[in-house]
């Protein structure tokens, strides 16, 4: 059975971002994947990486809650991230999750020869909401910057090269039917990515 971990970062459980998560879950369960949702706000996940924890990671000392998340990531065939872009980046909750979970010795290893990603063979899909128009976002170079830094850059560094992402914009001005079309796209993309594993 395929393992699918969904990481959701939005404080509003009535948001369109949450509706995207629900659609991913529906398609994943329809496919028959073992589906686990990590709702970071509902979990009250502590996103703050302390100096003590950072130093401990280099010595293999990892808090239990982080070890649990790492185990889920390690077992996952497909990892889905669903989040809004705020101020050109991840919500702080998601950034902190990645800071704490994607540690040295788990996500990457460094030596005198350089760094090596340790999460090869994983597949990631990202569904990203922006308040702006997608075409305007692309024209200003923001979409490319997002891709280079957050979509591919970060995860490529950890050894993950099979990454798919979609931006959804104009959420405050589009029709209900257009939102439904976006949800359909997300469901179809999830089934497509699970089938390809």
N, C-alpha and C. Protein backbone atom coordinates (compact mmCIF):
# COMPACT_ATOMS: atom_id res chain seq x y z
N UNK A 1 0.84 -1.20 0.00
CA UNK A 1 0.00 0.00 0.00
C UNK A 1 0.88 1.25 0.00
N UNK A 2 0.56 2.20 -0.85
CA UNK A 2 1.32 3.44 -0.92
C UNK A 2 1.06 4.29 0.33
N UNK A 3 2.11 4.97 0.79
CA UNK A 3 2.02 5.83 1.96
C UNK A 3 1.99 7.29 1.49
N UNK A 4 1.02 8.03 1.97
CA UNK A 4 0.85 9.43 1.53
C UNK A 4 0.74 10.32 2.76
N UNK A 5 1.68 11.25 2.90
CA UNK A 5 1.66 12.20 4.00
C UNK A 5 1.31 13.58 3.45
N UNK A 6 0.30 14.20 4.05
CA UNK A 6 -0.16 15.53 3.64
C UNK A 6 0.15 16.51 4.76
N UNK A 7 0.91 17.54 4.45
CA UNK A 7 1.30 18.55 5.44
C UNK A 7 0.54 19.83 5.10
N UNK A 8 -0.30 20.25 6.02
CA UNK A 8 -1.22 21.36 5.81
C UNK A 8 -0.88 22.50 6.77
N UNK A 9 -0.70 23.70 6.21
CA UNK A 9 -0.34 24.84 7.05
C UNK A 9 -1.24 26.04 6.74
N UNK A 10 -2.33 26.13 7.48
CA UNK A 10 -3.22 27.29 7.44
C UNK A 10 -4.04 27.28 8.72
N UNK A 11 -4.15 28.43 9.41
CA UNK A 11 -4.88 28.43 10.68
C UNK A 11 -6.39 28.34 10.55
N UNK A 12 -6.92 28.56 9.36
CA UNK A 12 -8.37 28.60 9.17
C UNK A 12 -8.85 27.29 8.55
N UNK A 13 -9.59 26.50 9.32
CA UNK A 13 -10.10 25.23 8.81
C UNK A 13 -11.29 25.39 7.88
N UNK A 14 -11.73 26.63 7.66
CA UNK A 14 -12.79 26.90 6.68
C UNK A 14 -12.24 27.58 5.43
N UNK A 15 -10.93 27.58 5.29
CA UNK A 15 -10.29 28.26 4.16
C UNK A 15 -10.34 27.41 2.90
N UNK A 16 -10.05 28.05 1.77
CA UNK A 16 -9.95 27.31 0.52
C UNK A 16 -8.75 26.37 0.56
N UNK A 17 -7.72 26.76 1.30
CA UNK A 17 -6.55 25.89 1.46
C UNK A 17 -6.97 24.57 2.10
N UNK A 18 -7.84 24.64 3.10
CA UNK A 18 -8.34 23.41 3.73
C UNK A 18 -9.20 22.61 2.75
N UNK A 19 -9.96 23.30 1.91
CA UNK A 19 -10.75 22.59 0.90
C UNK A 19 -9.85 21.82 -0.06
N UNK A 20 -8.68 22.39 -0.36
CA UNK A 20 -7.71 21.67 -1.19
C UNK A 20 -7.23 20.40 -0.49
N UNK A 21 -6.96 20.53 0.80
CA UNK A 21 -6.53 19.36 1.58
C UNK A 21 -7.60 18.27 1.53
N UNK A 22 -8.85 18.66 1.74
CA UNK A 22 -9.95 17.69 1.73
C UNK A 22 -10.02 16.96 0.38
N UNK A 23 -9.77 17.69 -0.68
CA UNK A 23 -9.81 17.08 -2.02
C UNK A 23 -8.65 16.10 -2.20
N UNK A 24 -7.48 16.47 -1.70
CA UNK A 24 -6.31 15.58 -1.77
C UNK A 24 -6.60 14.29 -0.99
N UNK A 25 -7.16 14.45 0.20
CA UNK A 25 -7.49 13.28 1.03
C UNK A 25 -8.49 12.38 0.30
N UNK A 26 -9.52 12.98 -0.27
CA UNK A 26 -10.55 12.21 -0.97
C UNK A 26 -9.95 11.39 -2.11
N UNK A 27 -9.09 12.01 -2.90
CA UNK A 27 -8.47 11.30 -4.03
C UNK A 27 -7.50 10.23 -3.54
N UNK A 28 -6.77 10.55 -2.48
CA UNK A 28 -5.81 9.60 -1.93
C UNK A 28 -6.51 8.35 -1.40
N UNK A 29 -7.60 8.57 -0.67
CA UNK A 29 -8.35 7.44 -0.13
C UNK A 29 -9.04 6.65 -1.24
N UNK A 30 -9.49 7.37 -2.27
CA UNK A 30 -10.08 6.70 -3.44
C UNK A 30 -9.06 5.79 -4.10
N UNK A 31 -7.81 6.24 -4.15
CA UNK A 31 -6.73 5.45 -4.74
C UNK A 31 -6.41 4.23 -3.87
N UNK A 32 -6.65 4.35 -2.57
CA UNK A 32 -6.34 3.27 -1.65
C UNK A 32 -5.03 3.44 -0.91
N UNK A 33 -4.50 4.67 -0.92
CA UNK A 33 -3.26 4.94 -0.21
C UNK A 33 -3.51 5.08 1.29
N UNK A 34 -2.53 4.69 2.08
CA UNK A 34 -2.57 4.96 3.52
C UNK A 34 -2.29 6.45 3.70
N UNK A 35 -3.28 7.22 4.09
CA UNK A 35 -3.23 8.68 4.05
C UNK A 35 -3.17 9.26 5.46
N UNK A 36 -2.17 10.10 5.69
CA UNK A 36 -1.97 10.74 6.99
C UNK A 36 -1.91 12.25 6.78
N UNK A 37 -2.76 13.00 7.49
CA UNK A 37 -2.76 14.46 7.40
C UNK A 37 -2.10 15.04 8.64
N UNK A 38 -1.15 15.92 8.42
CA UNK A 38 -0.49 16.64 9.51
C UNK A 38 -0.95 18.09 9.43
N UNK A 39 -2.00 18.40 10.20
CA UNK A 39 -2.55 19.75 10.26
C UNK A 39 -1.75 20.51 11.32
N UNK A 40 -0.75 21.25 10.89
CA UNK A 40 0.24 21.80 11.82
C UNK A 40 -0.37 22.73 12.86
N UNK A 41 -1.36 23.53 12.47
CA UNK A 41 -1.99 24.44 13.43
C UNK A 41 -2.86 23.66 14.42
N UNK A 42 -3.62 22.69 13.93
CA UNK A 42 -4.46 21.89 14.82
C UNK A 42 -3.61 21.07 15.79
N UNK A 43 -2.42 20.67 15.34
CA UNK A 43 -1.50 19.92 16.18
C UNK A 43 -0.82 20.82 17.21
N UNK A 44 -0.94 22.13 16.99
CA UNK A 44 -0.20 23.10 17.81
C UNK A 44 1.29 22.79 17.77
N UNK A 45 1.77 22.47 16.57
CA UNK A 45 3.18 22.15 16.39
C UNK A 45 4.04 23.35 16.77
N UNK A 46 5.06 23.12 17.55
CA UNK A 46 5.98 24.20 17.93
C UNK A 46 6.97 24.41 16.80
N UNK A 47 6.91 25.55 16.10
CA UNK A 47 7.78 25.77 14.95
C UNK A 47 9.16 26.35 15.30
N UNK A 48 9.40 26.58 16.57
CA UNK A 48 10.64 27.27 16.97
C UNK A 48 11.77 26.27 17.16
N UNK A 49 12.80 26.41 16.36
CA UNK A 49 14.00 25.59 16.49
C UNK A 49 14.94 26.28 17.48
N UNK A 50 15.11 25.65 18.61
CA UNK A 50 15.98 26.24 19.64
C UNK A 50 17.44 25.92 19.36
N UNK A 51 18.31 26.68 19.99
CA UNK A 51 19.74 26.42 19.85
C UNK A 51 20.09 25.02 20.36
N UNK A 52 19.48 24.65 21.47
CA UNK A 52 19.74 23.33 22.04
C UNK A 52 19.34 22.21 21.08
N UNK A 53 18.16 22.36 20.48
CA UNK A 53 17.70 21.35 19.54
C UNK A 53 18.56 21.31 18.29
N UNK A 54 18.96 22.48 17.80
CA UNK A 54 19.79 22.55 16.60
C UNK A 54 21.13 21.85 16.84
N UNK A 55 21.74 22.13 17.97
CA UNK A 55 23.02 21.49 18.30
C UNK A 55 22.84 19.99 18.52
N UNK A 56 21.72 19.62 19.15
CA UNK A 56 21.45 18.21 19.39
C UNK A 56 21.31 17.41 18.11
N UNK A 57 20.71 18.03 17.08
CA UNK A 57 20.51 17.33 15.81
C UNK A 57 21.84 16.87 15.22
N UNK A 58 22.87 17.66 15.39
CA UNK A 58 24.18 17.31 14.85
C UNK A 58 24.79 16.14 15.61
N UNK A 59 24.26 15.86 16.79
CA UNK A 59 24.74 14.74 17.60
C UNK A 59 23.75 13.57 17.59
N UNK A 60 22.71 13.68 16.77
CA UNK A 60 21.71 12.63 16.69
C UNK A 60 20.71 12.63 17.82
N UNK A 61 20.63 13.76 18.55
CA UNK A 61 19.67 13.89 19.64
C UNK A 61 18.45 14.64 19.11
N UNK A 62 17.36 13.91 18.89
CA UNK A 62 16.18 14.47 18.23
C UNK A 62 14.97 14.33 19.16
N UNK A 63 14.18 15.41 19.36
CA UNK A 63 12.97 15.29 20.19
C UNK A 63 12.00 14.26 19.61
N UNK A 64 11.24 13.62 20.50
CA UNK A 64 10.33 12.56 20.09
C UNK A 64 9.32 13.02 19.04
N UNK A 65 8.77 14.26 19.21
CA UNK A 65 7.76 14.71 18.25
C UNK A 65 8.36 14.92 16.86
N UNK A 66 9.63 15.27 16.81
CA UNK A 66 10.32 15.43 15.52
C UNK A 66 10.64 14.07 14.93
N UNK A 67 11.08 13.13 15.75
CA UNK A 67 11.34 11.77 15.27
C UNK A 67 10.08 11.16 14.65
N UNK A 68 8.94 11.45 15.24
CA UNK A 68 7.68 10.92 14.71
C UNK A 68 7.42 11.47 13.31
N UNK A 69 7.62 12.78 13.15
CA UNK A 69 7.41 13.39 11.83
C UNK A 69 8.42 12.84 10.82
N UNK A 70 9.64 12.66 11.24
CA UNK A 70 10.67 12.12 10.34
C UNK A 70 10.31 10.70 9.89
N UNK A 71 9.76 9.92 10.81
CA UNK A 71 9.35 8.56 10.46
C UNK A 71 8.26 8.59 9.40
N UNK A 72 7.30 9.50 9.55
CA UNK A 72 6.23 9.62 8.54
C UNK A 72 6.81 10.00 7.18
N UNK A 73 7.72 10.96 7.17
CA UNK A 73 8.35 11.40 5.92
C UNK A 73 9.14 10.25 5.31
N UNK A 74 9.88 9.53 6.13
CA UNK A 74 10.71 8.43 5.64
C UNK A 74 9.86 7.33 5.00
N UNK A 75 8.69 7.07 5.57
CA UNK A 75 7.83 6.01 5.06
C UNK A 75 6.99 6.44 3.85
N UNK A 76 6.90 7.74 3.62
CA UNK A 76 5.99 8.26 2.59
C UNK A 76 6.52 7.99 1.18
N UNK A 77 5.61 7.55 0.32
CA UNK A 77 5.90 7.48 -1.11
C UNK A 77 5.60 8.82 -1.77
N UNK A 78 4.52 9.46 -1.30
CA UNK A 78 4.12 10.78 -1.79
C UNK A 78 3.97 11.71 -0.60
N UNK A 79 4.57 12.90 -0.72
CA UNK A 79 4.45 13.95 0.30
C UNK A 79 3.74 15.12 -0.37
N UNK A 80 2.65 15.56 0.24
CA UNK A 80 1.90 16.70 -0.30
C UNK A 80 1.98 17.85 0.69
N UNK A 81 2.36 19.02 0.19
CA UNK A 81 2.33 20.24 1.00
C UNK A 81 1.23 21.14 0.46
N UNK A 82 0.37 21.63 1.36
CA UNK A 82 -0.71 22.54 0.97
C UNK A 82 -0.61 23.75 1.88
N UNK A 83 -0.41 24.93 1.28
CA UNK A 83 -0.16 26.14 2.08
C UNK A 83 -0.36 27.40 1.24
N UNK A 84 -0.56 28.52 1.89
CA UNK A 84 -0.57 29.81 1.19
C UNK A 84 0.83 30.41 1.20
N UNK A 85 1.11 31.26 0.24
CA UNK A 85 2.34 32.05 0.28
C UNK A 85 2.02 33.35 1.01
N UNK A 86 2.76 33.62 2.08
CA UNK A 86 2.62 34.86 2.84
C UNK A 86 3.96 35.58 2.83
N UNK A 87 3.95 36.83 2.36
CA UNK A 87 5.17 37.63 2.31
C UNK A 87 6.31 36.88 1.62
N UNK A 88 5.98 36.31 0.48
CA UNK A 88 6.94 35.65 -0.42
C UNK A 88 7.53 34.37 0.15
N UNK A 89 6.87 33.75 1.11
CA UNK A 89 7.43 32.53 1.67
C UNK A 89 6.39 31.64 2.32
N UNK A 90 6.89 30.56 2.94
CA UNK A 90 6.03 29.68 3.70
C UNK A 90 5.40 30.41 4.87
N UNK A 91 4.22 30.01 5.32
CA UNK A 91 3.76 30.45 6.64
C UNK A 91 4.81 30.04 7.68
N UNK A 92 4.97 30.83 8.72
CA UNK A 92 6.00 30.55 9.73
C UNK A 92 5.85 29.15 10.30
N UNK A 93 4.62 28.68 10.43
CA UNK A 93 4.39 27.34 10.98
C UNK A 93 5.04 26.27 10.11
N UNK A 94 4.88 26.38 8.79
CA UNK A 94 5.47 25.41 7.88
C UNK A 94 6.99 25.56 7.83
N UNK A 95 7.46 26.79 7.81
CA UNK A 95 8.92 27.01 7.80
C UNK A 95 9.54 26.38 9.04
N UNK A 96 8.91 26.58 10.20
CA UNK A 96 9.44 26.00 11.43
C UNK A 96 9.38 24.49 11.42
N UNK A 97 8.32 23.93 10.84
CA UNK A 97 8.22 22.47 10.71
C UNK A 97 9.41 21.94 9.91
N UNK A 98 9.69 22.57 8.79
CA UNK A 98 10.80 22.13 7.95
C UNK A 98 12.13 22.34 8.66
N UNK A 99 12.28 23.45 9.38
CA UNK A 99 13.51 23.69 10.13
C UNK A 99 13.78 22.58 11.13
N UNK A 100 12.73 22.14 11.81
CA UNK A 100 12.90 21.16 12.87
C UNK A 100 12.94 19.71 12.36
N UNK A 101 12.20 19.41 11.30
CA UNK A 101 12.07 18.03 10.84
C UNK A 101 13.14 17.65 9.81
N UNK A 102 13.48 18.55 8.93
CA UNK A 102 14.44 18.25 7.87
C UNK A 102 15.86 18.53 8.37
N UNK A 103 16.28 17.74 9.34
CA UNK A 103 17.53 17.98 10.05
C UNK A 103 18.73 17.34 9.35
N UNK A 104 19.90 17.80 9.79
CA UNK A 104 21.15 17.16 9.40
C UNK A 104 21.11 15.72 9.90
N UNK A 105 21.52 14.80 9.05
CA UNK A 105 21.49 13.39 9.42
C UNK A 105 20.21 12.69 9.03
N UNK A 106 19.16 13.47 8.78
CA UNK A 106 17.89 12.91 8.29
C UNK A 106 17.65 13.33 6.85
N UNK A 107 17.63 14.63 6.60
CA UNK A 107 17.34 15.14 5.26
C UNK A 107 18.59 15.38 4.42
N UNK A 108 19.70 15.61 5.07
CA UNK A 108 20.96 15.85 4.36
C UNK A 108 22.13 15.50 5.26
N UNK A 109 23.28 15.31 4.63
CA UNK A 109 24.51 15.00 5.35
C UNK A 109 25.61 15.89 4.79
N UNK A 110 26.40 16.49 5.65
CA UNK A 110 27.47 17.37 5.19
C UNK A 110 28.83 16.75 5.52
N UNK A 111 29.76 17.00 4.63
CA UNK A 111 31.14 16.55 4.84
C UNK A 111 32.07 17.54 4.16
N UNK A 112 33.33 17.27 4.18
CA UNK A 112 34.30 18.15 3.53
C UNK A 112 34.07 18.20 2.02
N UNK A 113 33.45 17.16 1.49
CA UNK A 113 33.17 17.12 0.05
C UNK A 113 31.89 17.88 -0.32
N UNK A 114 31.15 18.33 0.67
CA UNK A 114 29.91 19.06 0.42
C UNK A 114 28.72 18.35 1.05
N UNK A 115 27.52 18.79 0.69
CA UNK A 115 26.30 18.23 1.26
C UNK A 115 25.65 17.25 0.29
N UNK A 116 25.03 16.24 0.86
CA UNK A 116 24.34 15.22 0.08
C UNK A 116 22.92 15.06 0.63
N UNK A 117 21.92 15.12 -0.23
CA UNK A 117 20.54 14.89 0.19
C UNK A 117 20.31 13.44 0.52
N UNK A 118 19.54 13.18 1.55
CA UNK A 118 19.30 11.81 2.02
C UNK A 118 17.89 11.30 1.75
N UNK A 119 17.07 12.12 1.09
CA UNK A 119 15.67 11.73 0.87
C UNK A 119 15.39 11.41 -0.60
N UNK A 120 16.37 10.80 -1.26
CA UNK A 120 16.18 10.44 -2.66
C UNK A 120 15.02 9.47 -2.81
N UNK A 121 14.39 9.53 -3.97
CA UNK A 121 13.32 8.59 -4.29
C UNK A 121 11.94 9.02 -3.82
N UNK A 122 11.86 10.16 -3.14
CA UNK A 122 10.55 10.66 -2.70
C UNK A 122 9.89 11.48 -3.81
N UNK A 123 8.58 11.49 -3.79
CA UNK A 123 7.80 12.33 -4.70
C UNK A 123 7.08 13.38 -3.87
N UNK A 124 7.15 14.65 -4.30
CA UNK A 124 6.45 15.73 -3.60
C UNK A 124 5.51 16.43 -4.58
N UNK A 125 4.32 16.74 -4.09
CA UNK A 125 3.44 17.66 -4.82
C UNK A 125 3.09 18.80 -3.86
N UNK A 126 3.02 20.00 -4.42
CA UNK A 126 2.69 21.17 -3.62
C UNK A 126 1.53 21.91 -4.27
N UNK A 127 0.54 22.24 -3.46
CA UNK A 127 -0.58 23.06 -3.90
C UNK A 127 -0.52 24.36 -3.11
N UNK A 128 -0.30 25.46 -3.82
CA UNK A 128 0.07 26.72 -3.19
C UNK A 128 -0.93 27.81 -3.56
N UNK A 129 -1.50 28.45 -2.55
CA UNK A 129 -2.43 29.55 -2.77
C UNK A 129 -1.71 30.89 -2.67
N UNK A 130 -2.04 31.77 -3.58
CA UNK A 130 -1.52 33.14 -3.52
C UNK A 130 -2.70 34.10 -3.65
N UNK A 131 -2.59 35.25 -3.05
CA UNK A 131 -3.66 36.23 -3.14
C UNK A 131 -3.67 36.94 -4.49
N UNK A 132 -2.55 36.93 -5.17
CA UNK A 132 -2.36 37.65 -6.41
C UNK A 132 -2.86 36.83 -7.60
N UNK A 133 -2.88 37.47 -8.75
CA UNK A 133 -3.14 36.82 -10.02
C UNK A 133 -1.89 36.02 -10.41
N UNK A 134 -2.07 34.77 -10.82
CA UNK A 134 -0.92 33.91 -11.13
C UNK A 134 -0.08 34.50 -12.27
N UNK A 135 -0.73 35.00 -13.30
CA UNK A 135 0.02 35.56 -14.44
C UNK A 135 0.83 36.79 -14.01
N UNK A 136 0.24 37.63 -13.16
CA UNK A 136 0.97 38.80 -12.66
C UNK A 136 2.14 38.37 -11.79
N UNK A 137 1.93 37.35 -11.01
CA UNK A 137 2.97 36.79 -10.14
C UNK A 137 4.14 36.27 -10.98
N UNK A 138 3.79 35.62 -12.09
CA UNK A 138 4.83 35.11 -12.99
C UNK A 138 5.55 36.25 -13.69
N UNK A 139 4.81 37.26 -14.14
CA UNK A 139 5.42 38.38 -14.86
C UNK A 139 6.42 39.15 -14.00
N UNK A 140 6.18 39.22 -12.72
CA UNK A 140 7.08 39.93 -11.81
C UNK A 140 8.28 39.09 -11.38
N UNK A 141 8.31 37.82 -11.77
CA UNK A 141 9.40 36.94 -11.40
C UNK A 141 9.22 36.25 -10.07
N UNK A 142 8.09 36.52 -9.40
CA UNK A 142 7.87 35.92 -8.08
C UNK A 142 7.71 34.40 -8.16
N UNK A 143 7.01 33.93 -9.19
CA UNK A 143 6.77 32.50 -9.33
C UNK A 143 8.08 31.75 -9.55
N UNK A 144 8.98 32.35 -10.35
CA UNK A 144 10.28 31.72 -10.58
C UNK A 144 11.10 31.69 -9.29
N UNK A 145 11.05 32.79 -8.53
CA UNK A 145 11.78 32.84 -7.27
C UNK A 145 11.24 31.79 -6.29
N UNK A 146 9.93 31.64 -6.25
CA UNK A 146 9.30 30.64 -5.40
C UNK A 146 9.77 29.24 -5.79
N UNK A 147 9.79 28.98 -7.09
CA UNK A 147 10.22 27.67 -7.59
C UNK A 147 11.68 27.40 -7.22
N UNK A 148 12.54 28.36 -7.47
CA UNK A 148 13.98 28.18 -7.22
C UNK A 148 14.27 27.98 -5.74
N UNK A 149 13.55 28.72 -4.89
CA UNK A 149 13.85 28.66 -3.45
C UNK A 149 13.05 27.61 -2.70
N UNK A 150 11.72 27.66 -2.79
CA UNK A 150 10.87 26.86 -1.91
C UNK A 150 10.38 25.56 -2.55
N UNK A 151 10.12 25.57 -3.83
CA UNK A 151 9.55 24.39 -4.46
C UNK A 151 10.65 23.37 -4.77
N UNK A 152 11.64 23.78 -5.55
CA UNK A 152 12.71 22.86 -5.92
C UNK A 152 13.97 23.04 -5.08
N UNK A 153 14.39 24.27 -4.85
CA UNK A 153 15.66 24.51 -4.18
C UNK A 153 15.81 23.79 -2.86
N UNK A 154 14.88 24.00 -1.97
CA UNK A 154 14.95 23.40 -0.64
C UNK A 154 14.94 21.88 -0.72
N UNK A 155 14.01 21.32 -1.48
CA UNK A 155 13.85 19.87 -1.50
C UNK A 155 14.90 19.18 -2.36
N UNK A 156 15.38 19.85 -3.42
CA UNK A 156 16.50 19.31 -4.19
C UNK A 156 17.71 19.12 -3.29
N UNK A 157 17.94 20.08 -2.40
CA UNK A 157 19.07 20.02 -1.47
C UNK A 157 18.97 18.76 -0.60
N UNK A 158 17.73 18.32 -0.34
CA UNK A 158 17.51 17.13 0.49
C UNK A 158 17.45 15.85 -0.36
N UNK A 159 17.74 15.97 -1.64
CA UNK A 159 17.79 14.79 -2.51
C UNK A 159 16.52 14.48 -3.25
N UNK A 160 15.48 15.31 -3.09
CA UNK A 160 14.20 15.05 -3.77
C UNK A 160 14.17 15.83 -5.08
N UNK A 161 14.02 15.12 -6.18
CA UNK A 161 14.03 15.77 -7.49
C UNK A 161 12.70 15.64 -8.22
N UNK A 162 11.83 14.75 -7.74
CA UNK A 162 10.52 14.54 -8.38
C UNK A 162 9.49 15.40 -7.67
N UNK A 163 9.35 16.63 -8.16
CA UNK A 163 8.53 17.63 -7.48
C UNK A 163 7.54 18.25 -8.47
N UNK A 164 6.30 18.30 -8.06
CA UNK A 164 5.23 18.86 -8.89
C UNK A 164 4.57 19.97 -8.07
N UNK A 165 4.22 21.08 -8.69
CA UNK A 165 3.53 22.11 -7.92
C UNK A 165 2.56 22.89 -8.80
N UNK A 166 1.52 23.41 -8.14
CA UNK A 166 0.54 24.24 -8.82
C UNK A 166 0.24 25.45 -7.95
N UNK A 167 0.15 26.60 -8.62
CA UNK A 167 -0.24 27.85 -7.95
C UNK A 167 -1.71 28.12 -8.25
N UNK A 168 -2.42 28.57 -7.22
CA UNK A 168 -3.82 28.97 -7.38
C UNK A 168 -3.96 30.40 -6.90
N UNK A 169 -4.42 31.28 -7.79
CA UNK A 169 -4.50 32.70 -7.44
C UNK A 169 -5.88 33.28 -7.65
N UNK A 170 -5.98 34.58 -7.38
CA UNK A 170 -7.24 35.33 -7.54
C UNK A 170 -8.38 34.73 -6.72
N UNK A 171 -8.05 34.12 -5.60
CA UNK A 171 -9.06 33.37 -4.84
C UNK A 171 -10.19 34.23 -4.32
N UNK A 172 -9.95 35.54 -4.18
CA UNK A 172 -10.97 36.43 -3.62
C UNK A 172 -11.90 37.01 -4.68
N UNK A 173 -11.57 36.77 -5.95
CA UNK A 173 -12.37 37.39 -7.01
C UNK A 173 -12.96 36.39 -7.99
N UNK A 174 -12.55 35.14 -7.92
CA UNK A 174 -13.07 34.16 -8.87
C UNK A 174 -14.42 33.61 -8.42
N UNK A 175 -15.08 32.92 -9.31
CA UNK A 175 -16.41 32.37 -9.03
C UNK A 175 -16.30 31.05 -8.27
N UNK A 176 -17.42 30.64 -7.71
CA UNK A 176 -17.47 29.33 -7.04
C UNK A 176 -17.15 28.21 -8.02
N UNK A 177 -17.61 28.36 -9.25
CA UNK A 177 -17.34 27.32 -10.25
C UNK A 177 -15.85 27.23 -10.54
N UNK A 178 -15.17 28.37 -10.60
CA UNK A 178 -13.72 28.35 -10.83
C UNK A 178 -12.99 27.69 -9.67
N UNK A 179 -13.48 27.93 -8.45
CA UNK A 179 -12.89 27.25 -7.29
C UNK A 179 -13.12 25.74 -7.39
N UNK A 180 -14.30 25.34 -7.79
CA UNK A 180 -14.60 23.91 -7.96
C UNK A 180 -13.69 23.30 -9.01
N UNK A 181 -13.42 24.04 -10.07
CA UNK A 181 -12.51 23.56 -11.12
C UNK A 181 -11.10 23.34 -10.56
N UNK A 182 -10.67 24.25 -9.69
CA UNK A 182 -9.36 24.10 -9.05
C UNK A 182 -9.32 22.84 -8.18
N UNK A 183 -10.39 22.61 -7.44
CA UNK A 183 -10.45 21.42 -6.60
C UNK A 183 -10.39 20.15 -7.45
N UNK A 184 -11.07 20.18 -8.58
CA UNK A 184 -11.03 19.03 -9.50
C UNK A 184 -9.62 18.79 -10.00
N UNK A 185 -8.91 19.87 -10.34
CA UNK A 185 -7.51 19.76 -10.79
C UNK A 185 -6.64 19.10 -9.73
N UNK A 186 -6.85 19.52 -8.48
CA UNK A 186 -6.06 18.98 -7.37
C UNK A 186 -6.33 17.49 -7.19
N UNK A 187 -7.60 17.11 -7.25
CA UNK A 187 -7.95 15.70 -7.12
C UNK A 187 -7.35 14.86 -8.23
N UNK A 188 -7.44 15.37 -9.47
CA UNK A 188 -6.91 14.64 -10.62
C UNK A 188 -5.39 14.53 -10.54
N UNK A 189 -4.73 15.62 -10.14
CA UNK A 189 -3.27 15.61 -10.04
C UNK A 189 -2.81 14.63 -8.97
N UNK A 190 -3.54 14.57 -7.86
CA UNK A 190 -3.18 13.63 -6.79
C UNK A 190 -3.29 12.20 -7.26
N UNK A 191 -4.38 11.87 -7.94
CA UNK A 191 -4.53 10.52 -8.48
C UNK A 191 -3.44 10.21 -9.50
N UNK A 192 -3.12 11.18 -10.32
CA UNK A 192 -2.08 11.00 -11.33
C UNK A 192 -0.73 10.71 -10.67
N UNK A 193 -0.39 11.48 -9.65
CA UNK A 193 0.90 11.30 -8.98
C UNK A 193 0.98 10.00 -8.21
N UNK A 194 -0.12 9.60 -7.59
CA UNK A 194 -0.13 8.32 -6.87
C UNK A 194 -0.02 7.15 -7.86
N UNK A 195 -0.71 7.26 -8.97
CA UNK A 195 -0.68 6.19 -9.99
C UNK A 195 0.72 6.02 -10.56
N UNK A 196 1.46 7.13 -10.68
CA UNK A 196 2.78 7.10 -11.28
C UNK A 196 3.86 6.52 -10.36
N UNK A 197 3.54 6.33 -9.09
CA UNK A 197 4.54 5.83 -8.13
C UNK A 197 4.91 4.37 -8.43
